[in-house]
Amino acid sequence: MTTQSDMVIVEHEGPLATVTLNRPAVFNAFNSPMRAQLLTAVEALNTDPQIRIVILKGAGPGFCAGADLGEGMPQSITTQIENEYKPFLTAIAHGEKLWMAAIHGSAAGIGGALAMACDLAVIEEDANIYLAFAAIGLVPDGGATWHLLQAMGHKKAMETVIEGRKIAALQCLEYGLVNKVVPKGSAGAAAREWALRLCEGAPLAQAA
């Protein structure tokens, strides 16, 4: 079964669901409608008793380019993060379902935070997590600084933040930001194969 809004596609395959960010022309950058549609999808899947695992991926050439700067800067970035990003990031991070990111191209800005919020992740060998916040005068948001600190320790996390650099796939694996590096073009298929295998595991243990 497939349900589709303008910018988020949800597909069901037994106990597995796949959520696809669907603004490929802008590398799946978040605008206000997509943030709202993703929250609706996350809340519905997190309360669906038939769903065990959710794969999160992006349509087109990349996973997610972060915030769509074409919308302009909000009056309060803090308010926007609290009201429009934090609800779905928290629901993914703390829900009972297993969320698995399938990363291709780049997971940039808040897109990187979204990928890191997932419980599990696979990344294609030429892909990266790109914390580009410093280039626009911001610090990483959406929980990205916490994830980097846990994975890298203070000094490497600080270096990554202030340089605003890309973390290549093998570095993501080394730091524990992802679970597996897979060949180019195979993140979706690799995530599906792994997720279906995990769906055969113990549901209460996975939820806990």
N, C-alpha and C. Protein backbone atom coordinates (compact mmCIF):
# COMPACT_ATOMS: atom_id res chain seq x y z
N MET A 1 0.85 -1.20 0.00
CA MET A 1 0.00 0.00 0.00
C MET A 1 0.88 1.24 0.00
N THR A 2 0.50 2.24 -0.77
CA THR A 2 1.25 3.48 -0.85
C THR A 2 0.31 4.65 -0.59
N THR A 3 0.73 5.54 0.29
CA THR A 3 0.03 6.80 0.49
C THR A 3 0.98 7.93 0.15
N GLN A 4 0.46 8.99 -0.48
CA GLN A 4 1.34 10.04 -0.97
C GLN A 4 0.72 11.40 -0.73
N SER A 5 1.49 12.28 -0.13
CA SER A 5 1.14 13.69 -0.08
C SER A 5 2.04 14.38 -1.10
N ASP A 6 2.05 15.67 -1.13
CA ASP A 6 2.87 16.37 -2.11
C ASP A 6 4.35 16.05 -1.95
N MET A 7 4.81 15.94 -0.74
CA MET A 7 6.24 15.93 -0.48
C MET A 7 6.74 14.76 0.34
N VAL A 8 5.86 13.88 0.77
CA VAL A 8 6.25 12.71 1.55
C VAL A 8 5.46 11.51 1.04
N ILE A 9 6.16 10.44 0.71
CA ILE A 9 5.52 9.21 0.24
C ILE A 9 5.71 8.13 1.30
N VAL A 10 4.63 7.45 1.65
CA VAL A 10 4.69 6.36 2.63
C VAL A 10 4.23 5.08 1.95
N GLU A 11 5.08 4.05 2.02
CA GLU A 11 4.76 2.76 1.43
C GLU A 11 4.78 1.70 2.52
N HIS A 12 3.83 0.77 2.46
CA HIS A 12 3.72 -0.31 3.44
C HIS A 12 4.02 -1.64 2.76
N GLU A 13 4.81 -2.45 3.43
CA GLU A 13 5.13 -3.80 2.96
C GLU A 13 5.11 -4.73 4.17
N GLY A 14 3.92 -5.17 4.54
CA GLY A 14 3.80 -5.97 5.75
C GLY A 14 4.22 -5.15 6.96
N PRO A 15 5.16 -5.68 7.77
CA PRO A 15 5.59 -4.96 8.96
C PRO A 15 6.60 -3.84 8.68
N LEU A 16 6.96 -3.66 7.40
CA LEU A 16 7.95 -2.66 7.01
C LEU A 16 7.26 -1.49 6.32
N ALA A 17 7.65 -0.28 6.71
CA ALA A 17 7.19 0.93 6.02
C ALA A 17 8.40 1.69 5.50
N THR A 18 8.20 2.37 4.39
CA THR A 18 9.25 3.23 3.83
C THR A 18 8.70 4.63 3.66
N VAL A 19 9.42 5.60 4.19
CA VAL A 19 9.06 7.01 4.06
C VAL A 19 10.09 7.67 3.13
N THR A 20 9.60 8.28 2.06
CA THR A 20 10.49 8.92 1.10
C THR A 20 10.22 10.42 1.07
N LEU A 21 11.26 11.20 1.37
CA LEU A 21 11.18 12.65 1.21
C LEU A 21 11.15 12.93 -0.30
N ASN A 22 10.20 13.75 -0.75
CA ASN A 22 9.91 13.81 -2.17
C ASN A 22 9.90 15.24 -2.72
N ARG A 23 11.04 15.90 -2.57
CA ARG A 23 11.26 17.18 -3.26
C ARG A 23 12.59 17.09 -4.02
N PRO A 24 12.70 16.17 -4.95
CA PRO A 24 14.00 15.90 -5.56
C PRO A 24 14.62 17.09 -6.29
N ALA A 25 13.80 18.01 -6.80
CA ALA A 25 14.34 19.15 -7.54
C ALA A 25 15.19 20.05 -6.66
N VAL A 26 14.95 20.02 -5.32
CA VAL A 26 15.74 20.83 -4.39
C VAL A 26 16.44 19.91 -3.38
N PHE A 27 16.77 18.70 -3.82
CA PHE A 27 17.49 17.74 -2.99
C PHE A 27 16.76 17.48 -1.67
N ASN A 28 15.43 17.49 -1.74
CA ASN A 28 14.59 17.19 -0.57
C ASN A 28 14.80 18.14 0.59
N ALA A 29 15.10 19.40 0.27
CA ALA A 29 15.23 20.42 1.31
C ALA A 29 13.88 20.64 1.98
N PHE A 30 13.90 20.90 3.27
CA PHE A 30 12.68 21.07 4.06
C PHE A 30 12.09 22.45 3.87
N ASN A 31 10.84 22.50 3.43
CA ASN A 31 10.05 23.71 3.56
C ASN A 31 8.93 23.42 4.56
N SER A 32 8.09 24.41 4.82
CA SER A 32 7.08 24.25 5.86
C SER A 32 6.10 23.11 5.57
N PRO A 33 5.58 22.99 4.33
CA PRO A 33 4.67 21.87 4.08
C PRO A 33 5.32 20.51 4.27
N MET A 34 6.58 20.36 3.87
CA MET A 34 7.21 19.05 4.02
C MET A 34 7.45 18.72 5.48
N ARG A 35 7.79 19.72 6.28
CA ARG A 35 7.94 19.46 7.71
C ARG A 35 6.63 18.96 8.31
N ALA A 36 5.53 19.60 7.93
CA ALA A 36 4.22 19.19 8.47
C ALA A 36 3.84 17.79 7.98
N GLN A 37 4.08 17.52 6.72
CA GLN A 37 3.73 16.21 6.17
C GLN A 37 4.57 15.10 6.76
N LEU A 38 5.85 15.38 7.02
CA LEU A 38 6.69 14.35 7.63
C LEU A 38 6.22 14.05 9.05
N LEU A 39 5.88 15.08 9.81
CA LEU A 39 5.38 14.84 11.17
C LEU A 39 4.12 13.99 11.14
N THR A 40 3.21 14.28 10.24
CA THR A 40 1.98 13.48 10.12
C THR A 40 2.31 12.02 9.83
N ALA A 41 3.25 11.80 8.91
CA ALA A 41 3.63 10.43 8.56
C ALA A 41 4.29 9.71 9.73
N VAL A 42 5.19 10.39 10.43
CA VAL A 42 5.90 9.78 11.56
C VAL A 42 4.92 9.40 12.65
N GLU A 43 4.01 10.31 12.98
CA GLU A 43 3.05 10.02 14.05
C GLU A 43 2.14 8.85 13.67
N ALA A 44 1.73 8.79 12.42
CA ALA A 44 0.86 7.69 12.00
C ALA A 44 1.59 6.35 12.06
N LEU A 45 2.83 6.32 11.62
CA LEU A 45 3.58 5.06 11.62
C LEU A 45 3.94 4.63 13.04
N ASN A 46 4.27 5.59 13.89
CA ASN A 46 4.65 5.24 15.25
C ASN A 46 3.49 4.67 16.05
N THR A 47 2.27 4.91 15.61
CA THR A 47 1.11 4.39 16.33
C THR A 47 0.43 3.25 15.57
N ASP A 48 1.03 2.80 14.47
CA ASP A 48 0.46 1.71 13.68
C ASP A 48 0.96 0.38 14.24
N PRO A 49 0.09 -0.45 14.81
CA PRO A 49 0.54 -1.70 15.44
C PRO A 49 1.09 -2.72 14.45
N GLN A 50 0.81 -2.54 13.16
CA GLN A 50 1.28 -3.49 12.16
C GLN A 50 2.73 -3.22 11.74
N ILE A 51 3.22 -2.02 12.02
CA ILE A 51 4.55 -1.62 11.55
C ILE A 51 5.61 -1.90 12.60
N ARG A 52 6.69 -2.53 12.17
CA ARG A 52 7.81 -2.83 13.06
C ARG A 52 9.00 -1.90 12.80
N ILE A 53 9.31 -1.70 11.54
CA ILE A 53 10.50 -0.94 11.16
C ILE A 53 10.13 0.03 10.05
N VAL A 54 10.74 1.23 10.09
CA VAL A 54 10.51 2.25 9.07
C VAL A 54 11.85 2.64 8.45
N ILE A 55 11.91 2.60 7.13
CA ILE A 55 13.07 3.10 6.39
C ILE A 55 12.78 4.53 5.97
N LEU A 56 13.75 5.40 6.17
CA LEU A 56 13.63 6.80 5.77
C LEU A 56 14.66 7.09 4.70
N LYS A 57 14.22 7.58 3.55
CA LYS A 57 15.14 7.85 2.45
C LYS A 57 14.68 9.08 1.68
N GLY A 58 15.49 9.49 0.69
CA GLY A 58 15.15 10.65 -0.11
C GLY A 58 15.02 10.28 -1.58
N ALA A 59 14.14 10.97 -2.30
CA ALA A 59 13.99 10.79 -3.73
C ALA A 59 15.05 11.60 -4.47
N GLY A 60 15.39 11.16 -5.68
CA GLY A 60 16.30 11.94 -6.51
C GLY A 60 17.75 11.78 -6.12
N PRO A 61 18.56 12.84 -6.31
CA PRO A 61 20.01 12.70 -6.20
C PRO A 61 20.59 12.73 -4.79
N GLY A 62 19.79 12.97 -3.77
CA GLY A 62 20.35 13.03 -2.43
C GLY A 62 19.33 12.74 -1.36
N PHE A 63 19.81 12.48 -0.15
CA PHE A 63 18.94 12.17 0.99
C PHE A 63 18.15 13.40 1.41
N CYS A 64 18.84 14.45 1.81
CA CYS A 64 18.16 15.69 2.23
C CYS A 64 19.19 16.80 2.34
N ALA A 65 18.89 17.94 1.72
CA ALA A 65 19.82 19.08 1.72
C ALA A 65 19.63 20.00 2.91
N GLY A 66 18.79 19.63 3.86
CA GLY A 66 18.58 20.47 5.03
C GLY A 66 17.40 21.40 4.83
N ALA A 67 17.48 22.57 5.42
CA ALA A 67 16.39 23.55 5.31
C ALA A 67 16.42 24.23 3.96
N ASP A 68 15.25 24.50 3.43
CA ASP A 68 15.14 25.21 2.15
C ASP A 68 15.31 26.70 2.42
N LEU A 69 16.49 27.23 2.11
CA LEU A 69 16.78 28.64 2.38
C LEU A 69 15.99 29.56 1.46
N GLY A 70 15.38 28.99 0.43
CA GLY A 70 14.53 29.79 -0.44
C GLY A 70 13.30 30.33 0.27
N GLU A 71 12.95 29.72 1.39
CA GLU A 71 11.83 30.23 2.20
C GLU A 71 12.20 31.50 2.94
N GLY A 72 13.50 31.79 3.02
CA GLY A 72 13.95 32.90 3.84
C GLY A 72 14.15 32.47 5.28
N MET A 73 14.81 33.31 6.05
CA MET A 73 15.06 32.99 7.45
C MET A 73 13.84 33.32 8.29
N PRO A 74 13.49 32.43 9.21
CA PRO A 74 12.34 32.72 10.08
C PRO A 74 12.66 33.84 11.06
N GLN A 75 11.62 34.44 11.62
CA GLN A 75 11.85 35.49 12.63
C GLN A 75 12.62 34.93 13.82
N SER A 76 12.33 33.69 14.17
CA SER A 76 13.03 33.03 15.28
C SER A 76 13.38 31.61 14.86
N ILE A 77 14.67 31.36 14.67
CA ILE A 77 15.11 30.01 14.33
C ILE A 77 14.78 29.05 15.47
N THR A 78 14.96 29.52 16.70
CA THR A 78 14.67 28.67 17.86
C THR A 78 13.21 28.22 17.86
N THR A 79 12.30 29.15 17.60
CA THR A 79 10.88 28.81 17.58
C THR A 79 10.58 27.82 16.47
N GLN A 80 11.17 28.03 15.29
CA GLN A 80 10.94 27.11 14.18
C GLN A 80 11.45 25.71 14.50
N ILE A 81 12.63 25.62 15.07
CA ILE A 81 13.18 24.32 15.44
C ILE A 81 12.28 23.62 16.46
N GLU A 82 11.88 24.35 17.48
CA GLU A 82 11.05 23.76 18.53
C GLU A 82 9.70 23.30 18.01
N ASN A 83 9.09 24.10 17.14
CA ASN A 83 7.72 23.82 16.71
C ASN A 83 7.61 22.97 15.46
N GLU A 84 8.62 23.04 14.56
CA GLU A 84 8.47 22.40 13.26
C GLU A 84 9.45 21.25 13.01
N TYR A 85 10.58 21.25 13.69
CA TYR A 85 11.55 20.16 13.51
C TYR A 85 11.58 19.20 14.70
N LYS A 86 11.63 19.76 15.89
CA LYS A 86 11.78 18.91 17.08
C LYS A 86 10.70 17.85 17.21
N PRO A 87 9.42 18.15 16.88
CA PRO A 87 8.40 17.11 17.06
C PRO A 87 8.67 15.82 16.27
N PHE A 88 9.06 15.94 14.97
CA PHE A 88 9.29 14.69 14.24
C PHE A 88 10.64 14.08 14.57
N LEU A 89 11.65 14.90 14.88
CA LEU A 89 12.94 14.35 15.28
C LEU A 89 12.81 13.57 16.58
N THR A 90 12.08 14.12 17.53
CA THR A 90 11.88 13.45 18.82
C THR A 90 11.06 12.19 18.65
N ALA A 91 10.03 12.25 17.80
CA ALA A 91 9.19 11.08 17.58
C ALA A 91 9.98 9.94 16.96
N ILE A 92 10.89 10.26 16.06
CA ILE A 92 11.74 9.23 15.46
C ILE A 92 12.73 8.67 16.49
N ALA A 93 13.36 9.56 17.23
CA ALA A 93 14.41 9.13 18.16
C ALA A 93 13.86 8.35 19.35
N HIS A 94 12.66 8.68 19.80
CA HIS A 94 12.15 8.09 21.04
C HIS A 94 10.94 7.18 20.85
N GLY A 95 10.50 7.00 19.61
CA GLY A 95 9.38 6.10 19.38
C GLY A 95 9.79 4.64 19.54
N GLU A 96 8.80 3.76 19.62
CA GLU A 96 9.07 2.34 19.80
C GLU A 96 9.44 1.63 18.51
N LYS A 97 9.16 2.23 17.37
CA LYS A 97 9.54 1.61 16.10
C LYS A 97 11.04 1.79 15.87
N LEU A 98 11.62 0.87 15.12
CA LEU A 98 12.99 1.05 14.66
C LEU A 98 12.96 1.88 13.38
N TRP A 99 13.70 2.98 13.37
CA TRP A 99 13.82 3.83 12.19
C TRP A 99 15.22 3.65 11.60
N MET A 100 15.27 3.44 10.30
CA MET A 100 16.54 3.18 9.61
C MET A 100 16.70 4.18 8.46
N ALA A 101 17.78 4.94 8.49
CA ALA A 101 18.07 5.89 7.42
C ALA A 101 18.82 5.18 6.30
N ALA A 102 18.39 5.45 5.06
CA ALA A 102 19.09 4.95 3.87
C ALA A 102 19.65 6.19 3.16
N ILE A 103 20.95 6.42 3.32
CA ILE A 103 21.56 7.69 2.92
C ILE A 103 22.28 7.55 1.59
N HIS A 104 21.90 8.39 0.64
CA HIS A 104 22.65 8.49 -0.60
C HIS A 104 22.89 9.98 -0.88
N GLY A 105 23.88 10.27 -1.71
CA GLY A 105 24.18 11.68 -1.97
C GLY A 105 24.67 12.34 -0.70
N SER A 106 23.93 13.31 -0.21
CA SER A 106 24.34 14.02 1.00
C SER A 106 23.16 14.17 1.96
N ALA A 107 23.44 13.98 3.23
CA ALA A 107 22.51 14.32 4.31
C ALA A 107 23.08 15.58 4.95
N ALA A 108 22.57 16.72 4.55
CA ALA A 108 23.20 18.00 4.90
C ALA A 108 22.35 18.78 5.90
N GLY A 109 23.02 19.57 6.73
CA GLY A 109 22.32 20.42 7.67
C GLY A 109 21.36 19.63 8.54
N ILE A 110 20.11 20.11 8.64
CA ILE A 110 19.13 19.41 9.44
C ILE A 110 18.84 18.03 8.86
N GLY A 111 19.15 17.83 7.57
CA GLY A 111 19.04 16.49 6.98
C GLY A 111 20.02 15.52 7.61
N GLY A 112 21.20 16.02 7.96
CA GLY A 112 22.16 15.19 8.69
C GLY A 112 21.66 14.85 10.08
N ALA A 113 21.08 15.83 10.75
CA ALA A 113 20.50 15.58 12.07
C ALA A 113 19.38 14.54 11.97
N LEU A 114 18.58 14.62 10.91
CA LEU A 114 17.50 13.66 10.71
C LEU A 114 18.04 12.25 10.55
N ALA A 115 19.08 12.11 9.74
CA ALA A 115 19.68 10.79 9.55
C ALA A 115 20.24 10.25 10.85
N MET A 116 20.91 11.11 11.63
CA MET A 116 21.51 10.66 12.89
C MET A 116 20.46 10.36 13.95
N ALA A 117 19.27 10.93 13.83
CA ALA A 117 18.20 10.66 14.80
C ALA A 117 17.66 9.24 14.66
N CYS A 118 17.84 8.64 13.49
CA CYS A 118 17.35 7.28 13.27
C CYS A 118 18.16 6.28 14.10
N ASP A 119 17.54 5.17 14.44
CA ASP A 119 18.19 4.15 15.26
C ASP A 119 19.32 3.45 14.52
N LEU A 120 19.15 3.27 13.22
CA LEU A 120 20.09 2.55 12.39
C LEU A 120 20.27 3.32 11.09
N ALA A 121 21.39 3.07 10.40
CA ALA A 121 21.61 3.78 9.14
C ALA A 121 22.55 2.99 8.24
N VAL A 122 22.24 3.02 6.94
CA VAL A 122 23.18 2.56 5.92
C VAL A 122 23.49 3.75 5.03
N ILE A 123 24.70 3.80 4.51
CA ILE A 123 25.12 4.93 3.69
C ILE A 123 25.88 4.42 2.47
N GLU A 124 25.65 5.03 1.33
CA GLU A 124 26.37 4.63 0.13
C GLU A 124 27.82 5.12 0.19
N GLU A 125 28.69 4.41 -0.47
CA GLU A 125 30.14 4.64 -0.34
C GLU A 125 30.59 6.03 -0.77
N ASP A 126 29.83 6.69 -1.63
CA ASP A 126 30.21 8.03 -2.07
C ASP A 126 29.37 9.12 -1.40
N ALA A 127 28.57 8.76 -0.41
CA ALA A 127 27.68 9.71 0.25
C ALA A 127 28.37 10.33 1.46
N ASN A 128 27.69 11.28 2.09
CA ASN A 128 28.28 11.96 3.25
C ASN A 128 27.20 12.56 4.12
N ILE A 129 27.58 12.85 5.35
CA ILE A 129 26.80 13.71 6.23
C ILE A 129 27.53 15.05 6.27
N TYR A 130 26.83 16.10 5.91
CA TYR A 130 27.46 17.41 5.68
C TYR A 130 26.87 18.43 6.64
N LEU A 131 27.67 18.85 7.61
CA LEU A 131 27.21 19.82 8.60
C LEU A 131 27.63 21.22 8.16
N ALA A 132 26.82 21.79 7.28
CA ALA A 132 27.17 23.02 6.59
C ALA A 132 26.76 24.28 7.36
N PHE A 133 26.36 24.14 8.61
CA PHE A 133 25.78 25.25 9.36
C PHE A 133 26.72 26.46 9.45
N ALA A 134 28.02 26.20 9.65
CA ALA A 134 28.95 27.31 9.83
C ALA A 134 28.99 28.22 8.61
N ALA A 135 28.68 27.65 7.44
CA ALA A 135 28.73 28.45 6.21
C ALA A 135 27.63 29.51 6.18
N ILE A 136 26.57 29.33 6.96
CA ILE A 136 25.50 30.33 7.00
C ILE A 136 25.38 30.95 8.39
N GLY A 137 26.45 30.86 9.18
CA GLY A 137 26.50 31.55 10.46
C GLY A 137 25.67 30.92 11.56
N LEU A 138 25.44 29.60 11.50
CA LEU A 138 24.66 28.91 12.51
C LEU A 138 25.48 27.78 13.13
N VAL A 139 25.01 27.29 14.26
CA VAL A 139 25.58 26.07 14.84
C VAL A 139 24.63 24.92 14.51
N PRO A 140 25.12 23.69 14.46
CA PRO A 140 24.25 22.56 14.13
C PRO A 140 23.07 22.45 15.09
N ASP A 141 21.90 22.18 14.53
CA ASP A 141 20.70 22.06 15.34
C ASP A 141 20.07 20.69 15.13
N GLY A 142 18.88 20.51 15.68
CA GLY A 142 18.18 19.25 15.52
C GLY A 142 18.81 18.09 16.25
N GLY A 143 19.64 18.38 17.24
CA GLY A 143 20.31 17.31 17.98
C GLY A 143 21.64 16.88 17.40
N ALA A 144 22.08 17.53 16.31
CA ALA A 144 23.31 17.11 15.64
C ALA A 144 24.53 17.23 16.55
N THR A 145 24.61 18.30 17.34
CA THR A 145 25.78 18.46 18.20
C THR A 145 25.86 17.34 19.23
N TRP A 146 24.71 16.92 19.76
CA TRP A 146 24.71 15.83 20.75
C TRP A 146 25.18 14.54 20.10
N HIS A 147 24.67 14.24 18.91
CA HIS A 147 25.07 13.01 18.23
C HIS A 147 26.57 13.02 17.92
N LEU A 148 27.09 14.14 17.47
CA LEU A 148 28.51 14.22 17.15
C LEU A 148 29.35 14.05 18.40
N LEU A 149 28.94 14.67 19.49
CA LEU A 149 29.70 14.56 20.74
C LEU A 149 29.75 13.11 21.22
N GLN A 150 28.61 12.41 21.17
CA GLN A 150 28.59 11.02 21.61
C GLN A 150 29.48 10.15 20.73
N ALA A 151 29.50 10.43 19.44
CA ALA A 151 30.24 9.59 18.50
C ALA A 151 31.72 9.91 18.46
N MET A 152 32.07 11.19 18.49
CA MET A 152 33.43 11.61 18.19
C MET A 152 34.24 12.06 19.40
N GLY A 153 33.55 12.43 20.46
CA GLY A 153 34.25 13.10 21.54
C GLY A 153 34.32 14.60 21.27
N HIS A 154 34.71 15.36 22.29
CA HIS A 154 34.60 16.81 22.23
C HIS A 154 35.43 17.44 21.12
N LYS A 155 36.70 17.07 21.02
CA LYS A 155 37.59 17.78 20.10
C LYS A 155 37.24 17.52 18.64
N LYS A 156 36.97 16.28 18.28
CA LYS A 156 36.63 16.00 16.88
C LYS A 156 35.25 16.57 16.54
N ALA A 157 34.33 16.53 17.50
CA ALA A 157 33.02 17.12 17.25
C ALA A 157 33.15 18.63 17.04
N MET A 158 33.96 19.27 17.88
CA MET A 158 34.18 20.71 17.73
C MET A 158 34.80 21.03 16.37
N GLU A 159 35.79 20.25 15.98
CA GLU A 159 36.44 20.45 14.68
C GLU A 159 35.42 20.34 13.54
N THR A 160 34.59 19.32 13.60
CA THR A 160 33.60 19.10 12.55
C THR A 160 32.61 20.25 12.48
N VAL A 161 32.19 20.76 13.64
CA VAL A 161 31.21 21.84 13.68
C VAL A 161 31.80 23.14 13.14
N ILE A 162 32.98 23.52 13.62
CA ILE A 162 33.50 24.84 13.25
C ILE A 162 34.04 24.86 11.83
N GLU A 163 34.45 23.70 11.31
CA GLU A 163 34.89 23.66 9.92
C GLU A 163 33.71 23.50 8.96
N GLY A 164 32.56 23.07 9.47
CA GLY A 164 31.40 22.87 8.63
C GLY A 164 31.67 21.92 7.49
N ARG A 165 32.29 20.80 7.79
CA ARG A 165 32.78 19.93 6.72
C ARG A 165 31.90 18.70 6.53
N LYS A 166 32.19 18.02 5.42
CA LYS A 166 31.50 16.77 5.11
C LYS A 166 32.17 15.61 5.83
N ILE A 167 31.36 14.70 6.34
CA ILE A 167 31.87 13.48 6.95
C ILE A 167 31.62 12.36 5.94
N ALA A 168 32.70 11.87 5.35
CA ALA A 168 32.59 10.85 4.30
C ALA A 168 32.04 9.55 4.87
N ALA A 169 31.55 8.70 3.98
CA ALA A 169 30.88 7.47 4.40
C ALA A 169 31.73 6.62 5.33
N LEU A 170 32.99 6.39 4.97
CA LEU A 170 33.84 5.54 5.80
C LEU A 170 34.11 6.19 7.15
N GLN A 171 34.20 7.52 7.21
CA GLN A 171 34.35 8.19 8.49
C GLN A 171 33.07 8.06 9.32
N CYS A 172 31.92 8.15 8.66
CA CYS A 172 30.65 7.94 9.37
C CYS A 172 30.62 6.57 10.02
N LEU A 173 31.12 5.56 9.30
CA LEU A 173 31.18 4.20 9.84
C LEU A 173 32.17 4.13 11.00
N GLU A 174 33.32 4.74 10.82
CA GLU A 174 34.36 4.71 11.86
C GLU A 174 33.85 5.33 13.16
N TYR A 175 33.11 6.43 13.07
CA TYR A 175 32.62 7.12 14.26
C TYR A 175 31.34 6.52 14.82
N GLY A 176 30.76 5.56 14.10
CA GLY A 176 29.53 4.96 14.58
C GLY A 176 28.28 5.77 14.27
N LEU A 177 28.37 6.70 13.31
CA LEU A 177 27.20 7.47 12.90
C LEU A 177 26.29 6.66 11.99
N VAL A 178 26.84 5.62 11.37
CA VAL A 178 26.07 4.69 10.53
C VAL A 178 26.50 3.27 10.88
N ASN A 179 25.71 2.31 10.42
CA ASN A 179 26.01 0.90 10.68
C ASN A 179 26.75 0.22 9.54
N LYS A 180 26.41 0.62 8.29
CA LYS A 180 26.96 -0.08 7.14
C LYS A 180 27.23 0.89 6.00
N VAL A 181 28.32 0.64 5.28
CA VAL A 181 28.59 1.34 4.02
C VAL A 181 28.30 0.37 2.89
N VAL A 182 27.50 0.82 1.93
CA VAL A 182 27.06 -0.05 0.84
C VAL A 182 27.44 0.59 -0.50
N PRO A 183 27.47 -0.19 -1.58
CA PRO A 183 27.85 0.37 -2.88
C PRO A 183 26.91 1.48 -3.34
N LYS A 184 27.44 2.33 -4.20
CA LYS A 184 26.65 3.43 -4.76
C LYS A 184 25.39 2.87 -5.44
N GLY A 185 24.29 3.53 -5.17
CA GLY A 185 23.03 3.13 -5.79
C GLY A 185 22.27 2.03 -5.08
N SER A 186 22.78 1.57 -3.93
CA SER A 186 22.16 0.40 -3.29
C SER A 186 21.61 0.66 -1.89
N ALA A 187 21.60 1.92 -1.43
CA ALA A 187 21.19 2.17 -0.05
C ALA A 187 19.76 1.71 0.21
N GLY A 188 18.84 2.03 -0.71
CA GLY A 188 17.45 1.64 -0.51
C GLY A 188 17.27 0.14 -0.46
N ALA A 189 17.90 -0.56 -1.40
CA ALA A 189 17.77 -2.02 -1.44
C ALA A 189 18.44 -2.67 -0.23
N ALA A 190 19.61 -2.16 0.15
CA ALA A 190 20.32 -2.72 1.30
C ALA A 190 19.53 -2.51 2.59
N ALA A 191 18.95 -1.34 2.73
CA ALA A 191 18.15 -1.06 3.92
C ALA A 191 16.92 -1.97 3.96
N ARG A 192 16.27 -2.15 2.81
CA ARG A 192 15.08 -3.01 2.77
C ARG A 192 15.43 -4.45 3.14
N GLU A 193 16.52 -4.96 2.58
CA GLU A 193 16.92 -6.34 2.88
C GLU A 193 17.21 -6.51 4.37
N TRP A 194 17.92 -5.57 4.94
CA TRP A 194 18.27 -5.64 6.36
C TRP A 194 17.02 -5.50 7.22
N ALA A 195 16.16 -4.54 6.87
CA ALA A 195 14.96 -4.29 7.66
C ALA A 195 14.03 -5.50 7.66
N LEU A 196 13.86 -6.12 6.50
CA LEU A 196 12.99 -7.30 6.45
C LEU A 196 13.54 -8.43 7.31
N ARG A 197 14.85 -8.57 7.36
CA ARG A 197 15.46 -9.58 8.22
C ARG A 197 15.23 -9.25 9.69
N LEU A 198 15.35 -7.96 10.02
CA LEU A 198 15.13 -7.55 11.41
C LEU A 198 13.68 -7.72 11.82
N CYS A 199 12.77 -7.61 10.86
CA CYS A 199 11.35 -7.78 11.17
C CYS A 199 11.04 -9.18 11.69
N GLU A 200 11.95 -10.12 11.48
CA GLU A 200 11.77 -11.47 11.99
C GLU A 200 12.24 -11.62 13.43
N GLY A 201 12.83 -10.54 13.98
CA GLY A 201 13.34 -10.58 15.34
C GLY A 201 12.25 -10.39 16.39
N ALA A 202 12.68 -10.30 17.65
CA ALA A 202 11.75 -10.20 18.77
C ALA A 202 11.20 -8.79 18.87
N PRO A 203 9.89 -8.59 18.69
CA PRO A 203 9.33 -7.23 18.63
C PRO A 203 9.44 -6.46 19.93
N LEU A 204 9.20 -7.11 21.06
CA LEU A 204 9.25 -6.37 22.34
C LEU A 204 10.67 -5.96 22.66
N ALA A 205 11.62 -6.83 22.38
CA ALA A 205 13.02 -6.47 22.64
C ALA A 205 13.45 -5.30 21.75
N GLN A 206 13.05 -5.33 20.48
CA GLN A 206 13.41 -4.24 19.58
C GLN A 206 12.77 -2.93 20.03
N ALA A 207 11.51 -2.97 20.42
CA ALA A 207 10.84 -1.77 20.86
C ALA A 207 11.48 -1.19 22.12
N ALA A 208 11.90 -2.07 23.02
CA ALA A 208 12.50 -1.62 24.27
C ALA A 208 13.90 -1.04 24.03
